[in-house]
N, C-alpha and C. Protein backbone atom coordinates (compact mmCIF):
# COMPACT_ATOMS: atom_id res chain seq x y z
N MET A 1 95.17 97.09 105.20
CA MET A 1 94.94 98.09 106.25
C MET A 1 93.50 98.02 106.73
N GLU A 2 93.32 97.93 108.04
CA GLU A 2 91.97 97.97 108.60
C GLU A 2 91.60 99.43 108.85
N LEU A 3 90.87 100.02 107.91
CA LEU A 3 90.56 101.43 108.02
C LEU A 3 89.79 101.76 109.29
N PHE A 4 88.96 100.82 109.74
CA PHE A 4 88.13 101.09 110.90
C PHE A 4 88.98 101.45 112.12
N ASN A 5 90.18 100.88 112.21
CA ASN A 5 91.05 101.16 113.34
C ASN A 5 91.65 102.56 113.29
N GLU A 6 91.67 103.16 112.10
CA GLU A 6 92.27 104.47 111.94
C GLU A 6 91.24 105.60 111.93
N ILE A 7 89.96 105.26 111.80
CA ILE A 7 88.92 106.28 111.67
C ILE A 7 88.74 107.03 112.99
N SER A 8 88.70 108.35 112.90
CA SER A 8 88.44 109.15 114.09
C SER A 8 87.03 108.89 114.59
N GLN A 9 86.90 108.68 115.87
CA GLN A 9 85.59 108.41 116.45
C GLN A 9 84.82 109.70 116.78
N LYS A 10 85.44 110.86 116.53
CA LYS A 10 84.77 112.13 116.84
C LYS A 10 83.61 112.41 115.89
N LYS A 11 83.67 111.86 114.69
CA LYS A 11 82.63 112.05 113.68
C LYS A 11 82.28 113.53 113.51
N ILE A 12 83.29 114.33 113.27
CA ILE A 12 83.07 115.76 113.03
C ILE A 12 82.28 115.96 111.74
N PHE A 13 81.23 116.77 111.81
CA PHE A 13 80.45 117.06 110.62
C PHE A 13 79.59 118.29 110.86
N ILE A 14 78.98 118.81 109.79
CA ILE A 14 78.03 119.90 109.88
C ILE A 14 76.74 119.47 109.20
N THR A 15 75.71 120.32 109.29
CA THR A 15 74.46 120.06 108.57
C THR A 15 74.24 121.17 107.56
N ALA A 16 73.42 120.89 106.57
CA ALA A 16 73.14 121.87 105.52
C ALA A 16 72.32 123.04 106.03
N GLN A 17 71.72 122.93 107.21
CA GLN A 17 70.91 124.01 107.76
C GLN A 17 71.72 125.03 108.54
N GLN A 18 72.98 124.76 108.76
CA GLN A 18 73.83 125.73 109.45
C GLN A 18 74.23 126.85 108.50
N THR A 19 74.53 128.01 109.07
CA THR A 19 74.94 129.16 108.27
C THR A 19 76.46 129.12 108.04
N ILE A 20 76.90 129.94 107.10
CA ILE A 20 78.33 130.04 106.83
C ILE A 20 79.09 130.45 108.09
N ASN A 21 78.57 131.45 108.80
CA ASN A 21 79.25 131.91 110.02
C ASN A 21 79.37 130.79 111.05
N GLU A 22 78.32 130.00 111.20
CA GLU A 22 78.36 128.90 112.17
C GLU A 22 79.40 127.86 111.77
N VAL A 23 79.48 127.57 110.47
CA VAL A 23 80.43 126.57 110.00
C VAL A 23 81.87 127.08 110.12
N LEU A 24 82.07 128.36 109.84
CA LEU A 24 83.42 128.92 109.99
C LEU A 24 83.87 128.88 111.44
N GLN A 25 82.94 128.99 112.38
CA GLN A 25 83.28 128.84 113.79
C GLN A 25 83.71 127.41 114.09
N VAL A 26 83.08 126.45 113.42
CA VAL A 26 83.49 125.05 113.56
C VAL A 26 84.91 124.87 113.04
N PHE A 27 85.20 125.47 111.90
CA PHE A 27 86.55 125.37 111.33
C PHE A 27 87.60 125.95 112.27
N ASP A 28 87.23 126.95 113.04
CA ASP A 28 88.19 127.57 113.97
C ASP A 28 88.68 126.57 115.01
N THR A 29 87.92 125.50 115.24
CA THR A 29 88.31 124.49 116.22
C THR A 29 89.00 123.29 115.57
N LEU A 30 89.15 123.33 114.23
CA LEU A 30 89.71 122.20 113.50
C LEU A 30 91.02 122.58 112.82
N LEU A 31 91.78 121.57 112.47
CA LEU A 31 93.01 121.78 111.71
C LEU A 31 92.83 121.42 110.24
N PHE A 32 91.60 121.05 109.86
CA PHE A 32 91.36 120.54 108.52
C PHE A 32 90.84 121.63 107.59
N SER A 33 91.01 121.40 106.30
CA SER A 33 90.59 122.38 105.29
C SER A 33 89.15 122.19 104.83
N SER A 34 88.58 121.00 105.11
CA SER A 34 87.20 120.70 104.68
C SER A 34 86.48 119.97 105.80
N VAL A 35 85.15 119.93 105.68
CA VAL A 35 84.34 119.26 106.70
C VAL A 35 83.18 118.54 106.00
N PRO A 36 82.77 117.38 106.50
CA PRO A 36 81.65 116.66 105.89
C PRO A 36 80.30 117.30 106.22
N ILE A 37 79.39 117.25 105.25
CA ILE A 37 77.99 117.62 105.46
C ILE A 37 77.21 116.31 105.60
N VAL A 38 76.45 116.18 106.67
CA VAL A 38 75.75 114.93 106.95
C VAL A 38 74.27 115.21 107.19
N LYS A 39 73.42 114.33 106.67
CA LYS A 39 71.98 114.41 106.89
C LYS A 39 71.45 113.02 107.19
N ASN A 40 70.76 112.87 108.32
CA ASN A 40 70.21 111.57 108.73
C ASN A 40 71.27 110.48 108.70
N LYS A 41 72.46 110.83 109.20
CA LYS A 41 73.61 109.92 109.30
C LYS A 41 74.24 109.56 107.96
N LYS A 42 73.73 110.15 106.87
CA LYS A 42 74.26 109.88 105.54
C LYS A 42 75.20 111.01 105.11
N LEU A 43 76.29 110.66 104.44
CA LEU A 43 77.18 111.67 103.91
C LEU A 43 76.55 112.36 102.70
N VAL A 44 76.49 113.68 102.74
CA VAL A 44 75.93 114.44 101.63
C VAL A 44 77.05 114.91 100.70
N ALA A 45 78.06 115.56 101.27
CA ALA A 45 79.16 116.10 100.48
C ALA A 45 80.21 116.64 101.43
N MET A 46 81.26 117.24 100.84
CA MET A 46 82.27 117.95 101.61
C MET A 46 82.24 119.42 101.19
N VAL A 47 82.61 120.30 102.11
CA VAL A 47 82.69 121.72 101.79
C VAL A 47 83.96 122.27 102.44
N SER A 48 84.63 123.18 101.74
CA SER A 48 85.93 123.66 102.22
C SER A 48 85.82 125.02 102.90
N LYS A 49 86.71 125.25 103.83
CA LYS A 49 86.78 126.54 104.52
C LYS A 49 87.12 127.66 103.55
N GLU A 50 88.02 127.38 102.63
CA GLU A 50 88.44 128.40 101.66
C GLU A 50 87.27 128.89 100.82
N ASP A 51 86.44 127.96 100.35
CA ASP A 51 85.28 128.36 99.53
C ASP A 51 84.28 129.19 100.34
N LEU A 52 84.00 128.75 101.56
CA LEU A 52 83.03 129.47 102.38
C LEU A 52 83.52 130.86 102.76
N SER A 53 84.82 131.00 102.93
CA SER A 53 85.38 132.29 103.33
C SER A 53 85.22 133.36 102.26
N LEU A 54 84.95 132.93 101.04
CA LEU A 54 84.82 133.88 99.94
C LEU A 54 83.39 134.43 99.81
N ILE A 55 82.45 133.86 100.57
CA ILE A 55 81.05 134.30 100.50
C ILE A 55 80.85 135.46 101.47
N GLU A 56 80.34 136.58 100.96
CA GLU A 56 80.19 137.78 101.80
C GLU A 56 79.07 137.65 102.82
N ASP A 57 77.95 137.05 102.43
CA ASP A 57 76.80 136.93 103.32
C ASP A 57 76.97 135.70 104.22
N GLY A 58 77.41 135.95 105.44
CA GLY A 58 77.68 134.85 106.36
C GLY A 58 76.44 134.19 106.91
N GLU A 59 75.25 134.77 106.64
CA GLU A 59 74.01 134.18 107.14
C GLU A 59 73.39 133.20 106.14
N GLN A 60 73.99 133.04 104.99
CA GLN A 60 73.49 132.04 104.03
C GLN A 60 73.66 130.65 104.61
N LYS A 61 72.68 129.81 104.31
CA LYS A 61 72.77 128.44 104.78
C LYS A 61 73.58 127.59 103.80
N ILE A 62 74.20 126.56 104.33
CA ILE A 62 75.01 125.66 103.51
C ILE A 62 74.14 125.00 102.44
N ALA A 63 72.86 124.78 102.75
CA ALA A 63 71.95 124.16 101.79
C ALA A 63 71.80 124.97 100.52
N ASP A 64 72.05 126.28 100.60
CA ASP A 64 71.91 127.16 99.44
C ASP A 64 73.19 127.25 98.62
N LEU A 65 74.18 126.50 99.00
CA LEU A 65 75.50 126.61 98.35
C LEU A 65 75.94 125.28 97.75
N GLU A 66 75.01 124.57 97.14
CA GLU A 66 75.35 123.26 96.59
C GLU A 66 76.43 123.33 95.52
N TYR A 67 76.57 124.47 94.89
CA TYR A 67 77.61 124.61 93.86
C TYR A 67 79.02 124.56 94.46
N LEU A 68 79.11 124.66 95.79
CA LEU A 68 80.40 124.56 96.46
C LEU A 68 80.67 123.16 97.00
N TYR A 69 79.71 122.26 96.84
CA TYR A 69 79.86 120.91 97.38
C TYR A 69 80.92 120.14 96.60
N ASN A 70 81.71 119.40 97.32
CA ASN A 70 82.68 118.48 96.72
C ASN A 70 82.29 117.05 97.10
N PHE A 71 82.41 116.15 96.15
CA PHE A 71 81.95 114.78 96.38
C PHE A 71 83.13 113.80 96.31
N TYR A 72 83.59 113.42 97.47
CA TYR A 72 84.64 112.39 97.56
C TYR A 72 84.55 111.72 98.92
N TYR A 73 85.07 110.51 98.99
CA TYR A 73 84.99 109.71 100.21
C TYR A 73 85.84 108.46 100.02
N ALA A 74 85.98 107.70 101.07
CA ALA A 74 86.60 106.37 101.00
C ALA A 74 85.63 105.38 101.63
N LYS A 75 85.69 104.17 101.15
CA LYS A 75 84.88 103.10 101.73
C LYS A 75 85.67 102.42 102.85
N GLN A 76 84.96 101.86 103.78
CA GLN A 76 85.60 101.22 104.93
C GLN A 76 86.54 100.09 104.51
N LYS A 77 86.24 99.44 103.39
CA LYS A 77 87.05 98.32 102.94
C LYS A 77 88.16 98.71 101.97
N ASP A 78 88.32 99.99 101.69
CA ASP A 78 89.36 100.43 100.76
C ASP A 78 90.75 100.09 101.29
N THR A 79 91.68 99.85 100.37
CA THR A 79 93.06 99.58 100.76
C THR A 79 93.78 100.89 101.08
N LEU A 80 94.93 100.75 101.71
CA LEU A 80 95.72 101.92 102.07
C LEU A 80 96.09 102.74 100.84
N LEU A 81 96.49 102.08 99.76
CA LEU A 81 96.88 102.80 98.55
C LEU A 81 95.69 103.51 97.91
N GLU A 82 94.52 102.89 97.98
CA GLU A 82 93.32 103.54 97.46
C GLU A 82 92.99 104.80 98.26
N VAL A 83 93.19 104.72 99.56
CA VAL A 83 92.93 105.88 100.42
C VAL A 83 93.91 107.00 100.12
N ILE A 84 95.19 106.67 100.00
CA ILE A 84 96.20 107.69 99.69
C ILE A 84 95.90 108.32 98.34
N SER A 85 95.50 107.50 97.38
CA SER A 85 95.14 108.01 96.06
C SER A 85 93.99 109.00 96.15
N SER A 86 93.01 108.72 97.02
CA SER A 86 91.87 109.63 97.20
C SER A 86 92.31 110.96 97.80
N PHE A 87 93.23 110.91 98.76
CA PHE A 87 93.76 112.15 99.33
C PHE A 87 94.42 113.00 98.25
N VAL A 88 95.25 112.35 97.43
CA VAL A 88 96.00 113.08 96.39
C VAL A 88 95.06 113.61 95.32
N THR A 89 94.17 112.76 94.82
CA THR A 89 93.27 113.15 93.74
C THR A 89 92.39 114.34 94.12
N ASN A 90 91.95 114.35 95.38
CA ASN A 90 91.03 115.40 95.82
C ASN A 90 91.72 116.55 96.55
N ASN A 91 93.05 116.46 96.64
CA ASN A 91 93.84 117.53 97.25
C ASN A 91 93.26 117.93 98.60
N THR A 92 93.10 116.95 99.47
CA THR A 92 92.46 117.19 100.76
C THR A 92 93.30 116.63 101.90
N ASP A 93 93.07 117.12 103.10
CA ASP A 93 93.76 116.60 104.27
C ASP A 93 92.82 115.82 105.19
N VAL A 94 91.56 115.68 104.77
CA VAL A 94 90.59 114.89 105.54
C VAL A 94 89.70 114.14 104.56
N LEU A 95 89.42 112.88 104.88
CA LEU A 95 88.67 112.02 103.97
C LEU A 95 87.54 111.34 104.74
N PRO A 96 86.28 111.61 104.37
CA PRO A 96 85.16 110.96 105.06
C PRO A 96 85.10 109.48 104.70
N ILE A 97 84.68 108.66 105.66
CA ILE A 97 84.57 107.22 105.45
C ILE A 97 83.11 106.82 105.54
N ILE A 98 82.65 106.05 104.56
CA ILE A 98 81.26 105.60 104.54
C ILE A 98 81.20 104.09 104.40
N ASP A 99 80.04 103.52 104.74
CA ASP A 99 79.83 102.10 104.50
C ASP A 99 79.06 101.93 103.19
N ASP A 100 78.63 100.72 102.90
CA ASP A 100 77.95 100.45 101.63
C ASP A 100 76.59 101.12 101.53
N GLU A 101 76.05 101.59 102.66
CA GLU A 101 74.75 102.27 102.67
C GLU A 101 74.90 103.79 102.73
N ASN A 102 76.13 104.27 102.51
CA ASN A 102 76.44 105.70 102.54
C ASN A 102 76.33 106.30 103.94
N ASN A 103 76.34 105.49 104.97
CA ASN A 103 76.35 105.99 106.34
C ASN A 103 77.72 106.56 106.66
N TYR A 104 77.73 107.73 107.26
CA TYR A 104 78.98 108.39 107.63
C TYR A 104 79.54 107.75 108.89
N LEU A 105 80.76 107.18 108.79
CA LEU A 105 81.37 106.45 109.90
C LEU A 105 82.38 107.28 110.67
N GLY A 106 82.86 108.33 110.05
CA GLY A 106 83.93 109.13 110.64
C GLY A 106 84.86 109.59 109.53
N PHE A 107 86.09 109.92 109.90
CA PHE A 107 87.00 110.40 108.88
C PHE A 107 88.42 109.94 109.14
N LEU A 108 89.22 109.97 108.08
CA LEU A 108 90.66 109.75 108.17
C LEU A 108 91.34 111.09 107.92
N ASN A 109 92.42 111.36 108.64
CA ASN A 109 93.20 112.54 108.31
C ASN A 109 94.51 112.13 107.65
N LEU A 110 95.05 113.04 106.86
CA LEU A 110 96.23 112.73 106.05
C LEU A 110 97.42 112.34 106.91
N HIS A 111 97.61 113.01 108.02
CA HIS A 111 98.74 112.75 108.91
C HIS A 111 98.78 111.29 109.34
N ASP A 112 97.67 110.80 109.91
CA ASP A 112 97.63 109.42 110.41
C ASP A 112 97.76 108.41 109.27
N THR A 113 97.19 108.74 108.11
CA THR A 113 97.24 107.82 106.98
C THR A 113 98.67 107.67 106.46
N LEU A 114 99.39 108.79 106.37
CA LEU A 114 100.78 108.72 105.92
C LEU A 114 101.67 108.00 106.92
N GLU A 115 101.37 108.16 108.20
CA GLU A 115 102.12 107.41 109.21
C GLU A 115 101.89 105.91 109.04
N SER A 116 100.66 105.51 108.73
CA SER A 116 100.37 104.10 108.50
C SER A 116 101.12 103.60 107.27
N PHE A 117 101.16 104.43 106.22
CA PHE A 117 101.88 104.05 105.00
C PHE A 117 103.37 103.88 105.27
N ALA A 118 103.95 104.81 106.05
CA ALA A 118 105.38 104.76 106.34
C ALA A 118 105.73 103.53 107.18
N ASP A 119 104.73 102.94 107.84
CA ASP A 119 104.97 101.80 108.72
C ASP A 119 104.75 100.46 108.02
N THR A 120 104.45 100.46 106.73
CA THR A 120 104.19 99.22 106.01
C THR A 120 105.49 98.56 105.56
N ASP A 121 105.42 97.26 105.30
CA ASP A 121 106.58 96.53 104.78
C ASP A 121 107.03 97.08 103.43
N PHE A 122 106.10 97.65 102.68
CA PHE A 122 106.43 98.19 101.37
C PHE A 122 107.54 99.23 101.48
N LEU A 123 107.55 100.00 102.56
CA LEU A 123 108.58 101.01 102.76
C LEU A 123 109.69 100.53 103.69
N LYS A 124 109.36 99.74 104.69
CA LYS A 124 110.33 99.40 105.73
C LYS A 124 111.29 98.29 105.33
N VAL A 125 110.81 97.29 104.60
CA VAL A 125 111.62 96.10 104.32
C VAL A 125 112.41 96.29 103.02
N GLU A 126 113.69 95.95 103.06
CA GLU A 126 114.52 96.04 101.86
C GLU A 126 114.08 95.01 100.83
N GLY A 127 114.19 95.40 99.55
CA GLY A 127 113.80 94.48 98.49
C GLY A 127 114.09 95.07 97.14
N ASN A 128 113.57 94.45 96.11
CA ASN A 128 113.74 94.90 94.73
C ASN A 128 112.41 95.40 94.19
N THR A 129 112.45 96.52 93.50
CA THR A 129 111.25 97.11 92.92
C THR A 129 111.28 96.97 91.40
N LEU A 130 110.23 96.43 90.83
CA LEU A 130 110.12 96.26 89.39
C LEU A 130 108.96 97.10 88.86
N LEU A 131 109.18 97.70 87.73
CA LEU A 131 108.13 98.45 87.04
C LEU A 131 107.75 97.64 85.80
N LEU A 132 106.54 97.06 85.84
CA LEU A 132 106.08 96.16 84.79
C LEU A 132 105.02 96.84 83.93
N GLN A 133 104.93 96.39 82.67
CA GLN A 133 103.87 96.90 81.80
C GLN A 133 103.37 95.79 80.90
N LYS A 134 102.05 95.77 80.73
CA LYS A 134 101.44 94.75 79.86
C LYS A 134 100.13 95.32 79.31
N ASN A 135 99.62 94.69 78.26
CA ASN A 135 98.33 95.10 77.72
C ASN A 135 97.26 95.04 78.81
N THR A 136 96.46 96.08 78.90
CA THR A 136 95.46 96.16 79.96
C THR A 136 94.52 94.96 79.96
N SER A 137 94.17 94.48 78.80
CA SER A 137 93.24 93.36 78.71
C SER A 137 93.88 92.02 79.07
N GLU A 138 95.20 92.01 79.26
CA GLU A 138 95.90 90.73 79.46
C GLU A 138 96.51 90.55 80.84
N TYR A 139 96.76 91.64 81.56
CA TYR A 139 97.43 91.49 82.85
C TYR A 139 96.42 91.11 83.93
N SER A 140 96.92 90.53 85.02
CA SER A 140 96.09 90.28 86.20
C SER A 140 97.00 90.19 87.42
N PHE A 141 96.49 90.64 88.57
CA PHE A 141 97.26 90.54 89.80
C PHE A 141 97.51 89.09 90.18
N SER A 142 96.53 88.25 89.92
CA SER A 142 96.70 86.84 90.27
C SER A 142 97.86 86.23 89.48
N GLU A 143 98.00 86.61 88.21
CA GLU A 143 99.11 86.09 87.41
C GLU A 143 100.44 86.62 87.93
N ILE A 144 100.48 87.92 88.25
CA ILE A 144 101.72 88.51 88.77
C ILE A 144 102.14 87.83 90.06
N CYS A 145 101.18 87.60 90.95
CA CYS A 145 101.48 86.92 92.22
C CYS A 145 101.93 85.48 91.99
N GLN A 146 101.27 84.80 91.03
CA GLN A 146 101.62 83.41 90.76
C GLN A 146 103.04 83.32 90.22
N ILE A 147 103.41 84.20 89.31
CA ILE A 147 104.77 84.20 88.75
C ILE A 147 105.79 84.46 89.86
N THR A 148 105.49 85.42 90.71
CA THR A 148 106.43 85.81 91.77
C THR A 148 106.59 84.72 92.82
N GLU A 149 105.47 84.20 93.31
CA GLU A 149 105.51 83.27 94.43
C GLU A 149 105.91 81.86 94.02
N SER A 150 105.79 81.54 92.72
CA SER A 150 106.19 80.21 92.26
C SER A 150 107.69 79.99 92.40
N GLN A 151 108.44 81.07 92.55
CA GLN A 151 109.89 80.98 92.72
C GLN A 151 110.31 81.28 94.16
N ASN A 152 109.35 81.15 95.07
CA ASN A 152 109.61 81.37 96.50
C ASN A 152 110.06 82.79 96.82
N ASN A 153 109.55 83.75 96.06
CA ASN A 153 109.79 85.15 96.38
C ASN A 153 108.68 85.67 97.27
N ARG A 154 108.98 86.68 98.05
CA ARG A 154 107.99 87.28 98.94
C ARG A 154 107.54 88.61 98.37
N ILE A 155 106.24 88.79 98.20
CA ILE A 155 105.69 90.04 97.69
C ILE A 155 105.49 91.02 98.85
N LEU A 156 106.13 92.19 98.76
CA LEU A 156 106.01 93.21 99.79
C LEU A 156 104.94 94.25 99.46
N GLY A 157 104.61 94.36 98.19
CA GLY A 157 103.57 95.30 97.78
C GLY A 157 103.42 95.29 96.27
N CYS A 158 102.22 95.61 95.80
CA CYS A 158 101.95 95.61 94.37
C CYS A 158 100.77 96.52 94.10
N PHE A 159 100.92 97.45 93.17
CA PHE A 159 99.81 98.34 92.84
C PHE A 159 99.93 98.86 91.42
N VAL A 160 98.80 99.31 90.89
CA VAL A 160 98.75 99.88 89.54
C VAL A 160 99.21 101.33 89.61
N LEU A 161 100.26 101.66 88.86
CA LEU A 161 100.78 103.01 88.82
C LEU A 161 100.05 103.86 87.81
N GLN A 162 99.71 103.26 86.66
CA GLN A 162 99.03 103.99 85.60
C GLN A 162 98.33 102.99 84.70
N SER A 163 97.16 103.37 84.20
CA SER A 163 96.42 102.46 83.34
C SER A 163 95.58 103.24 82.34
N ASN A 164 95.52 102.73 81.12
CA ASN A 164 94.61 103.27 80.11
C ASN A 164 94.04 102.10 79.32
N GLU A 165 93.35 102.37 78.24
CA GLU A 165 92.71 101.29 77.50
C GLU A 165 93.71 100.31 76.89
N GLU A 166 94.92 100.78 76.62
CA GLU A 166 95.89 99.93 75.94
C GLU A 166 96.87 99.26 76.90
N LYS A 167 97.51 100.05 77.78
CA LYS A 167 98.59 99.53 78.62
C LYS A 167 98.32 99.81 80.10
N THR A 168 98.82 98.91 80.94
CA THR A 168 98.78 99.12 82.39
C THR A 168 100.19 98.95 82.94
N THR A 169 100.57 99.89 83.79
CA THR A 169 101.90 99.86 84.42
C THR A 169 101.73 99.50 85.89
N ILE A 170 102.49 98.52 86.33
CA ILE A 170 102.35 98.00 87.69
C ILE A 170 103.68 98.11 88.42
N VAL A 171 103.63 98.52 89.68
CA VAL A 171 104.81 98.52 90.55
C VAL A 171 104.70 97.32 91.48
N ILE A 172 105.76 96.53 91.54
CA ILE A 172 105.79 95.42 92.48
C ILE A 172 107.11 95.44 93.24
N LYS A 173 107.04 95.31 94.52
CA LYS A 173 108.25 95.21 95.34
C LYS A 173 108.31 93.81 95.93
N VAL A 174 109.46 93.17 95.77
CA VAL A 174 109.61 91.78 96.21
C VAL A 174 110.91 91.61 96.99
N LYS A 175 110.89 90.63 97.84
CA LYS A 175 112.13 90.16 98.48
C LYS A 175 112.48 88.87 97.75
N SER A 176 113.51 88.95 96.89
CA SER A 176 113.78 87.87 95.95
C SER A 176 115.15 87.23 96.18
N ARG A 177 115.19 85.92 96.02
CA ARG A 177 116.46 85.20 96.09
C ARG A 177 117.25 85.35 94.80
N ASN A 178 116.54 85.51 93.70
CA ASN A 178 117.19 85.64 92.39
C ASN A 178 116.35 86.57 91.52
N ILE A 179 116.63 87.87 91.60
CA ILE A 179 115.80 88.84 90.91
C ILE A 179 115.90 88.69 89.39
N ASN A 180 117.07 88.31 88.89
CA ASN A 180 117.24 88.15 87.43
C ASN A 180 116.35 87.02 86.90
N GLU A 181 116.26 85.95 87.65
CA GLU A 181 115.40 84.84 87.24
C GLU A 181 113.93 85.27 87.23
N LEU A 182 113.54 86.08 88.22
CA LEU A 182 112.16 86.57 88.27
C LEU A 182 111.87 87.48 87.08
N ILE A 183 112.82 88.34 86.75
CA ILE A 183 112.64 89.24 85.60
C ILE A 183 112.44 88.44 84.32
N GLN A 184 113.24 87.40 84.13
CA GLN A 184 113.10 86.57 82.93
C GLN A 184 111.74 85.87 82.89
N SER A 185 111.23 85.50 84.05
CA SER A 185 109.91 84.85 84.11
C SER A 185 108.82 85.83 83.67
N PHE A 186 108.91 87.06 84.13
CA PHE A 186 107.92 88.05 83.70
C PHE A 186 107.99 88.27 82.20
N ARG A 187 109.18 88.30 81.66
CA ARG A 187 109.32 88.49 80.22
C ARG A 187 108.72 87.32 79.44
N ARG A 188 108.84 86.12 79.97
CA ARG A 188 108.24 84.96 79.29
C ARG A 188 106.72 85.07 79.25
N TYR A 189 106.16 85.79 80.23
CA TYR A 189 104.70 86.00 80.26
C TYR A 189 104.32 87.32 79.60
N SER A 190 105.22 87.87 78.79
CA SER A 190 104.96 89.06 77.96
C SER A 190 104.82 90.36 78.76
N TYR A 191 105.44 90.39 79.93
CA TYR A 191 105.50 91.65 80.67
C TYR A 191 106.76 92.42 80.25
N ASN A 192 106.58 93.68 79.91
CA ASN A 192 107.73 94.53 79.63
C ASN A 192 108.29 95.03 80.95
N ILE A 193 109.60 94.96 81.10
CA ILE A 193 110.26 95.44 82.30
C ILE A 193 110.75 96.86 82.03
N LEU A 194 110.04 97.85 82.57
CA LEU A 194 110.38 99.24 82.31
C LEU A 194 111.52 99.72 83.18
N SER A 195 111.63 99.14 84.37
CA SER A 195 112.67 99.58 85.28
C SER A 195 112.89 98.52 86.35
N THR A 196 114.14 98.38 86.76
CA THR A 196 114.48 97.56 87.92
C THR A 196 115.28 98.42 88.86
N SER A 197 115.08 98.27 90.14
CA SER A 197 115.73 99.16 91.10
C SER A 197 116.17 98.38 92.32
N SER A 198 117.39 97.93 92.35
CA SER A 198 117.90 97.22 93.51
C SER A 198 118.10 98.17 94.68
N GLU A 199 118.22 99.48 94.38
CA GLU A 199 118.38 100.46 95.44
C GLU A 199 117.06 101.05 95.88
N ASP A 200 115.98 100.55 95.28
CA ASP A 200 114.64 100.99 95.69
C ASP A 200 114.45 102.49 95.56
N TYR A 201 114.82 103.01 94.39
CA TYR A 201 114.67 104.46 94.17
C TYR A 201 113.21 104.89 94.34
N LEU A 202 112.30 104.13 93.73
CA LEU A 202 110.89 104.51 93.79
C LEU A 202 110.39 104.51 95.23
N VAL A 203 110.75 103.47 95.98
CA VAL A 203 110.29 103.36 97.36
C VAL A 203 110.85 104.49 98.21
N GLU A 204 112.13 104.81 98.01
CA GLU A 204 112.73 105.90 98.77
C GLU A 204 112.06 107.23 98.43
N HIS A 205 111.70 107.38 97.15
CA HIS A 205 111.00 108.59 96.73
C HIS A 205 109.66 108.72 97.46
N LEU A 206 108.90 107.64 97.53
CA LEU A 206 107.62 107.67 98.23
C LEU A 206 107.82 107.92 99.72
N LYS A 207 108.84 107.27 100.28
CA LYS A 207 109.08 107.41 101.71
C LYS A 207 109.45 108.84 102.08
N LYS A 208 110.28 109.48 101.24
CA LYS A 208 110.66 110.86 101.51
C LYS A 208 109.45 111.77 101.49
N HIS A 209 108.55 111.53 100.52
CA HIS A 209 107.34 112.35 100.44
C HIS A 209 106.45 112.12 101.66
N SER A 210 106.36 110.87 102.11
CA SER A 210 105.56 110.57 103.30
C SER A 210 106.12 111.31 104.51
N GLU A 211 107.44 111.24 104.69
CA GLU A 211 108.07 111.89 105.82
C GLU A 211 107.93 113.40 105.73
N TYR A 212 107.99 113.94 104.50
CA TYR A 212 107.83 115.39 104.33
C TYR A 212 106.44 115.84 104.75
N PHE A 213 105.41 115.11 104.30
CA PHE A 213 104.05 115.51 104.64
C PHE A 213 103.80 115.40 106.13
N ILE A 214 104.32 114.34 106.76
CA ILE A 214 104.14 114.18 108.20
C ILE A 214 104.82 115.33 108.94
N LYS A 215 106.05 115.68 108.51
CA LYS A 215 106.78 116.78 109.13
C LYS A 215 106.03 118.09 108.95
N TYR A 216 105.52 118.29 107.73
CA TYR A 216 104.78 119.52 107.41
C TYR A 216 103.54 119.65 108.28
N LEU A 217 102.80 118.54 108.43
CA LEU A 217 101.56 118.60 109.19
C LEU A 217 101.79 118.75 110.68
N ASN A 218 103.01 118.46 111.14
CA ASN A 218 103.33 118.60 112.55
C ASN A 218 103.72 120.04 112.92
N ILE A 219 103.95 120.87 111.89
CA ILE A 219 104.36 122.25 112.17
C ILE A 219 103.18 123.04 112.76
């Protein structure tokens, strides 16, 4: 995903010198729950409308409320799944985008990001979904891709579902000529097959959630 193509060019933001009342007026013109704080074109933090609404003194400056700052963002080169993960982890509907120098480039909103996700081959193209697990120190994406593509299978998507110091669980969706042969190949390379889904249960689950959020945000 080319994030730059999805970033809003409005570059909505506030400064730490604005008062709570001024920022709440900004929120009145937005549909988002949080807004970026920017100084000298650099992202400082995020602050939420809900938190500011709880402060009685509306003349306080944002600079005096650092305890309300939230620190999250996405990099311009992040993948679509990394971006979605950031939305979920931070429970937000807007995600600031920065470059390697912490310059604020704009933002992504949840609605547009989910629409991009729903339009990917991972959701649109029929295939087989495998849930793999291997020792964290032993697995690699390059190995997974090599095993899959050596049998002329097409990879539609692959991501880490869960990882700890011992085990890593990976979801891979493939368009396969012989899924049983692919499964046996993974087993030969010491991958545990936790689940196989010819009906794409996992993908349908993700797709339904994407469609739900898009529908919700359109209300």
